[in-house]
Amino acid sequence: MTVAVLMRPKGITNVLRGFTGNPRAAVGLGLVVLAVVVAIGAPIFAPFAPDQLDFINTLAPPSSDHWLGTDELGRDVLSRIIHGARTSLVVGALSVVVAALIGTAAGIVAGYFGKAYDALIMRIMDIVFAFPSILLALAIAAVLGPSLTNAVLAISVVNLPVFARIARAQTLVVRQLEFVEAKRALGFGTFNILSRTILPNIMPPIIVQGSLLFASAIITESYLSFLGLGAQPPLATWGNMLRNAIGFMELAPWLALFPGFAIFITVFGCNLLGDGLRDRFDPRH
C-alpha cells in the first residue's frame, strides 16, 4: 500500500492529539507502545532466562509456574516470547530505518535532478520491485547466510523501492513550489535545499509508509527465522519458536499458539497505527 500526499510537517504533540478522535489509531498506538515497553524491559518482565533449561518440566502445559507452558527443552514460553519481542522489533525497526534512509535519499535525488539520475535510480528500483518481496528476501538471506544482520539487510533491500517511489513522487511536486524556487533564487546550495526544504516537506508520507512497512518487516523476519535464515538459536525469536513448534503441534499446541498470537497482535497494532497516521497526515481525510 503506497501513500503519497503532500503536507507540511506537524509537531509530535499535534499528531498525538489527532489520535484522541480516532479510537482505532489510539488502540494501535497502545499496542505498539506495549510491545516496545515489553521488548525494552524484557530482562525485568521475563520470569525466567529465555535459554534456561528444565528437563524435568519439558512440554509442560500452562500453569501457575509457567503461565504459557514450556517447550521441548523445558524453556519458559512466556520468557522466550518476551525476549523474542526485542529481536523481532529491533529487526523490523532497523530494516525499515535503513530502507527509509537509502530509499528516500535515492528518491529525492531522482526526483530533484531528473534525467539520467532519475532513469538510472528508478530502473534499479523497478528491477528490485519486480521480484515478489518474500522470495527476494529469502534469496538474499540464503545467499548471504543465516544471521540477524543478513535478515535486516534482506528486508531493507526489499523495502527500498517503496520509499524511493514515494520520495521521488513527492519531490517532483515540492521542487516546483514557490518557496523552493525562492531559495534557489537566493543562492542556497543544492544540499541545503534538499535537506532543509525538500526532505521536511516529504516526510509525512514517508513516516506513514514506514509504520505500515514495520508490520510487514516483522512478518518477513518471522518467515526468515521460521525457515532458519534469520536469527539462530539459542536467540529467541517468534519465528524460530514457531519453527520449533512444528513437531509438537498435537502434543503441545501452545508452542505455536502463543508466539503466533504475539505476531498477530503486534502487526495488528502497527497497521492500526499506520492507518491513524495516514488519516492524520492525509488532507483528504
Protein backbone atom coordinates (compact mmCIF):
# COMPACT_ATOMS: atom_id res chain seq x y z
CA MET A 1 0.00 0.00 0.00
CA THR A 2 1.52 3.32 -1.05
CA VAL A 3 0.67 6.66 0.47
CA ALA A 4 1.75 9.75 -1.48
CA VAL A 5 0.44 13.06 -0.20
CA LEU A 6 1.93 16.50 0.41
CA MET A 7 1.65 18.24 3.75
CA ARG A 8 3.83 20.37 5.94
CA PRO A 9 5.31 18.54 8.92
CA LYS A 10 3.33 18.63 12.14
CA GLY A 11 4.62 18.60 15.69
CA ILE A 12 4.57 15.41 17.71
CA THR A 13 2.02 16.87 20.12
CA ASN A 14 -0.29 17.87 17.29
CA VAL A 15 -0.07 14.40 15.74
CA LEU A 16 -0.76 12.64 19.04
CA ARG A 17 -3.70 14.96 19.69
CA GLY A 18 -5.22 13.74 16.43
CA PHE A 19 -5.37 10.20 17.82
CA THR A 20 -7.85 11.20 20.53
CA GLY A 21 -10.65 11.30 17.96
CA ASN A 22 -9.58 8.06 16.30
CA PRO A 23 -10.13 5.04 18.58
CA ARG A 24 -8.50 2.60 16.16
CA ALA A 25 -5.35 4.69 15.98
CA ALA A 26 -5.29 5.02 19.76
CA VAL A 27 -5.57 1.23 20.14
CA GLY A 28 -2.80 0.74 17.59
CA LEU A 29 -0.55 3.22 19.37
CA GLY A 30 -1.24 1.49 22.68
CA LEU A 31 -0.39 -1.95 21.29
CA VAL A 32 2.83 -0.71 19.69
CA VAL A 33 3.89 1.10 22.86
CA LEU A 34 3.12 -2.03 24.88
CA ALA A 35 5.28 -4.16 22.56
CA VAL A 36 8.13 -1.66 22.75
CA VAL A 37 7.95 -1.45 26.56
CA VAL A 38 7.94 -5.26 26.83
CA ALA A 39 10.92 -5.50 24.47
CA ILE A 40 12.93 -2.87 26.33
CA GLY A 41 12.12 -4.34 29.73
CA ALA A 42 12.48 -7.98 28.71
CA PRO A 43 15.02 -8.85 31.45
CA ILE A 44 12.64 -7.34 34.03
CA PHE A 45 9.34 -8.76 32.78
CA ALA A 46 10.52 -12.27 31.86
CA PRO A 47 10.13 -14.66 34.81
CA PHE A 48 12.98 -16.88 33.54
CA ALA A 49 16.00 -16.57 31.31
CA PRO A 50 14.99 -17.35 27.70
CA ASP A 51 17.53 -20.17 27.41
CA GLN A 52 17.08 -21.64 30.90
CA LEU A 53 16.64 -25.40 30.56
CA ASP A 54 14.45 -27.55 32.76
CA PHE A 55 14.41 -31.14 31.50
CA ILE A 56 12.06 -32.21 34.29
CA ASN A 57 9.25 -29.91 33.02
CA THR A 58 9.51 -30.36 29.26
CA LEU A 59 6.35 -29.65 27.26
CA ALA A 60 4.51 -28.65 30.44
CA PRO A 61 1.10 -27.06 29.80
CA PRO A 62 0.30 -23.54 31.05
CA SER A 63 0.31 -23.43 34.83
CA SER A 64 0.96 -21.12 37.76
CA ASP A 65 4.69 -21.86 37.46
CA HIS A 66 4.87 -21.38 33.69
CA TRP A 67 1.97 -19.20 32.58
CA LEU A 68 2.30 -20.14 28.91
CA GLY A 69 3.84 -23.56 29.39
CA THR A 70 7.29 -24.82 28.43
CA ASP A 71 8.86 -26.12 25.22
CA GLU A 72 10.60 -29.38 24.40
CA LEU A 73 13.69 -28.32 26.37
CA GLY A 74 11.77 -27.06 29.38
CA ARG A 75 12.30 -23.39 28.48
CA ASP A 76 9.58 -20.99 29.63
CA VAL A 77 7.46 -19.96 26.64
CA LEU A 78 6.42 -16.62 28.12
CA SER A 79 10.03 -15.63 28.75
CA ARG A 80 11.03 -16.56 25.22
CA ILE A 81 8.11 -14.60 23.75
CA ILE A 82 9.08 -11.54 25.78
CA HIS A 83 12.72 -11.75 24.70
CA GLY A 84 11.62 -12.60 21.17
CA ALA A 85 9.75 -9.29 21.07
CA ARG A 86 13.07 -7.48 21.41
CA THR A 87 14.58 -9.37 18.47
CA SER A 88 11.56 -9.01 16.19
CA LEU A 89 11.07 -5.30 16.91
CA VAL A 90 14.76 -4.49 16.53
CA VAL A 91 14.95 -6.29 13.18
CA GLY A 92 11.75 -4.61 11.99
CA ALA A 93 12.83 -1.15 13.11
CA LEU A 94 16.38 -1.40 11.76
CA SER A 95 15.30 -2.74 8.39
CA VAL A 96 12.69 -0.01 7.94
CA VAL A 97 15.11 2.74 9.04
CA VAL A 98 17.83 1.52 6.66
CA ALA A 99 15.37 1.19 3.78
CA ALA A 100 13.87 4.62 4.54
CA LEU A 101 17.25 6.37 4.68
CA ILE A 102 18.62 4.87 1.47
CA GLY A 103 15.33 4.76 -0.44
CA THR A 104 14.33 8.31 0.48
CA ALA A 105 17.75 9.67 -0.46
CA ALA A 106 17.63 7.85 -3.79
CA GLY A 107 14.10 9.07 -4.49
CA ILE A 108 14.96 12.68 -3.68
CA VAL A 109 17.97 12.61 -5.99
CA ALA A 110 15.94 11.02 -8.77
CA GLY A 111 13.05 13.46 -8.40
CA TYR A 112 15.10 16.63 -7.96
CA PHE A 113 17.80 16.14 -10.61
CA GLY A 114 15.77 14.05 -13.06
CA LYS A 115 17.14 12.95 -16.44
CA ALA A 116 19.93 10.36 -16.20
CA TYR A 117 19.78 10.22 -12.40
CA ASP A 118 16.07 9.55 -12.48
CA ALA A 119 16.32 6.92 -15.20
CA LEU A 120 19.18 5.00 -13.58
CA ILE A 121 17.88 5.04 -9.99
CA MET A 122 14.28 4.23 -10.79
CA ARG A 123 15.17 1.42 -13.22
CA ILE A 124 17.18 -0.22 -10.45
CA MET A 125 14.22 0.18 -8.11
CA ASP A 126 11.89 -1.25 -10.75
CA ILE A 127 14.07 -4.34 -11.03
CA VAL A 128 14.01 -4.88 -7.26
CA PHE A 129 10.27 -4.17 -7.13
CA ALA A 130 9.59 -6.73 -9.87
CA PHE A 131 10.51 -9.63 -7.58
CA PRO A 132 7.98 -10.91 -5.02
CA SER A 133 9.14 -9.39 -1.73
CA ILE A 134 9.16 -12.60 0.32
CA LEU A 135 11.02 -14.58 -2.35
CA LEU A 136 13.59 -11.82 -2.79
CA ALA A 137 14.18 -11.61 0.95
CA LEU A 138 14.57 -15.40 1.13
CA ALA A 139 17.01 -15.39 -1.79
CA ILE A 140 19.17 -12.62 -0.30
CA ALA A 141 19.22 -14.23 3.14
CA ALA A 142 20.06 -17.63 1.63
CA VAL A 143 22.96 -16.21 -0.39
CA LEU A 144 24.40 -14.15 2.47
CA GLY A 145 23.85 -16.85 5.08
CA PRO A 146 21.58 -17.16 8.11
CA SER A 147 22.13 -14.37 10.65
CA LEU A 148 20.27 -11.46 12.20
CA THR A 149 22.36 -8.89 10.32
CA ASN A 150 21.71 -10.53 6.97
CA ALA A 151 17.99 -10.69 7.75
CA VAL A 152 17.98 -6.93 8.35
CA LEU A 153 19.83 -6.39 5.07
CA ALA A 154 17.46 -8.64 3.13
CA ILE A 155 14.34 -6.94 4.47
CA SER A 156 15.85 -3.49 3.85
CA VAL A 157 16.57 -4.26 0.19
CA VAL A 158 13.01 -5.48 -0.33
CA ASN A 159 11.55 -2.23 1.04
CA LEU A 160 13.88 0.17 -0.78
CA PRO A 161 11.70 0.70 -3.89
CA VAL A 162 8.65 1.68 -1.84
CA PHE A 163 10.41 4.57 -0.12
CA ALA A 164 12.21 5.59 -3.32
CA ARG A 165 8.97 5.82 -5.29
CA ILE A 166 7.20 7.86 -2.62
CA ALA A 167 10.17 10.22 -2.16
CA ARG A 168 10.52 10.73 -5.91
CA ALA A 169 6.82 11.43 -6.44
CA GLN A 170 6.74 13.95 -3.59
CA THR A 171 9.98 15.62 -4.69
CA LEU A 172 8.63 16.15 -8.20
CA VAL A 173 5.79 18.15 -6.64
CA VAL A 174 7.75 20.06 -4.00
CA ARG A 175 10.62 21.15 -6.25
CA GLN A 176 8.18 23.23 -8.34
CA LEU A 177 6.70 25.14 -5.40
CA GLU A 178 7.41 28.83 -4.93
CA PHE A 179 9.38 28.60 -1.69
CA VAL A 180 11.84 26.16 -3.33
CA GLU A 181 12.24 28.48 -6.31
CA ALA A 182 12.80 31.36 -3.87
CA LYS A 183 15.63 29.51 -2.13
CA ARG A 184 17.27 28.82 -5.49
CA ALA A 185 16.99 32.48 -6.40
CA LEU A 186 18.56 33.50 -3.09
CA GLY A 187 21.58 31.33 -3.84
CA PHE A 188 21.07 28.49 -1.38
CA GLY A 189 23.09 25.38 -2.19
CA THR A 190 21.60 22.17 -3.52
CA PHE A 191 22.31 20.21 -0.33
CA ASN A 192 20.64 22.90 1.77
CA ILE A 193 17.54 22.83 -0.42
CA LEU A 194 17.34 19.04 -0.40
CA SER A 195 17.93 18.60 3.34
CA ARG A 196 16.23 21.71 4.77
CA THR A 197 13.33 22.19 2.36
CA ILE A 198 12.57 19.13 0.24
CA LEU A 199 13.09 16.48 2.92
CA PRO A 200 10.92 18.05 5.68
CA ASN A 201 8.04 18.54 3.26
CA ILE A 202 8.01 14.94 2.05
CA MET A 203 8.41 13.32 5.49
CA PRO A 204 4.71 12.74 6.40
CA PRO A 205 4.06 10.08 3.72
CA ILE A 206 7.47 8.56 4.43
CA ILE A 207 6.58 8.19 8.11
CA VAL A 208 3.18 6.71 7.29
CA GLN A 209 4.67 4.18 4.90
CA GLY A 210 7.37 3.34 7.41
CA SER A 211 4.79 2.46 10.05
CA LEU A 212 3.00 0.17 7.60
CA LEU A 213 6.20 -1.49 6.42
CA PHE A 214 7.28 -2.00 10.03
CA ALA A 215 4.46 -4.53 10.37
CA SER A 216 5.49 -6.18 7.12
CA ALA A 217 9.11 -6.34 8.29
CA ILE A 218 8.11 -8.17 11.48
CA ILE A 219 6.24 -10.77 9.42
CA THR A 220 9.16 -11.15 6.98
CA GLU A 221 11.60 -11.62 9.86
CA SER A 222 9.32 -14.33 11.22
CA TYR A 223 9.33 -16.04 7.81
CA LEU A 224 13.11 -15.96 7.65
CA SER A 225 13.54 -17.25 11.20
CA PHE A 226 10.89 -19.92 10.60
CA LEU A 227 12.91 -21.18 7.64
CA GLY A 228 16.20 -20.99 9.54
CA LEU A 229 17.52 -17.96 7.65
CA GLY A 230 17.10 -15.36 10.40
CA ALA A 231 18.31 -15.27 13.98
CA GLN A 232 19.95 -18.51 15.05
CA PRO A 233 19.41 -20.48 18.27
CA PRO A 234 19.67 -20.02 21.17
CA LEU A 235 18.47 -16.47 20.43
CA ALA A 236 14.70 -16.39 20.86
CA THR A 237 12.53 -15.00 18.07
CA TRP A 238 8.88 -15.51 17.34
CA GLY A 239 9.73 -17.12 14.00
CA ASN A 240 12.10 -19.78 15.30
CA MET A 241 9.68 -20.52 18.15
CA LEU A 242 7.08 -21.38 15.52
CA ARG A 243 9.65 -23.47 13.70
CA ASN A 244 10.44 -25.47 16.83
CA ALA A 245 6.71 -25.99 17.46
CA ILE A 246 6.09 -27.86 14.20
CA GLY A 247 6.90 -31.27 15.61
CA PHE A 248 4.76 -30.80 18.70
CA MET A 249 1.52 -29.38 17.32
CA GLU A 250 -0.67 -32.20 18.59
CA LEU A 251 1.18 -32.73 21.85
CA ALA A 252 1.78 -29.08 22.82
CA PRO A 253 -0.27 -26.67 20.65
CA TRP A 254 0.59 -23.73 22.93
CA LEU A 255 4.11 -23.70 21.47
CA ALA A 256 2.69 -22.33 18.22
CA LEU A 257 -0.42 -20.58 19.55
CA PHE A 258 1.23 -18.02 21.81
CA PRO A 259 4.11 -16.88 19.53
CA GLY A 260 1.61 -16.67 16.66
CA PHE A 261 -0.66 -14.51 18.77
CA ALA A 262 2.27 -12.25 19.67
CA ILE A 263 2.99 -11.72 15.97
CA PHE A 264 -0.68 -11.10 15.23
CA ILE A 265 -1.25 -8.54 17.99
CA THR A 266 1.95 -6.61 17.20
CA VAL A 267 1.29 -6.47 13.45
CA PHE A 268 -2.35 -5.57 14.11
CA GLY A 269 -1.23 -2.65 16.29
CA CYS A 270 1.26 -1.44 13.69
CA ASN A 271 -1.40 -1.49 10.98
CA LEU A 272 -3.87 0.43 13.13
CA LEU A 273 -1.16 2.97 13.97
CA GLY A 274 -0.27 3.32 10.29
CA ASP A 275 -3.91 3.91 9.38
CA GLY A 276 -4.12 6.57 12.11
CA LEU A 277 -1.01 8.35 10.84
CA ARG A 278 -2.35 8.24 7.31
CA ASP A 279 -5.66 9.77 8.39
CA ARG A 280 -3.78 12.44 10.34
CA PHE A 281 -1.40 13.43 7.55
CA ASP A 282 -3.63 12.96 4.52
CA PRO A 283 -5.52 16.21 3.76
CA ARG A 284 -8.24 14.18 2.03
CA HIS A 285 -9.19 12.85 5.49
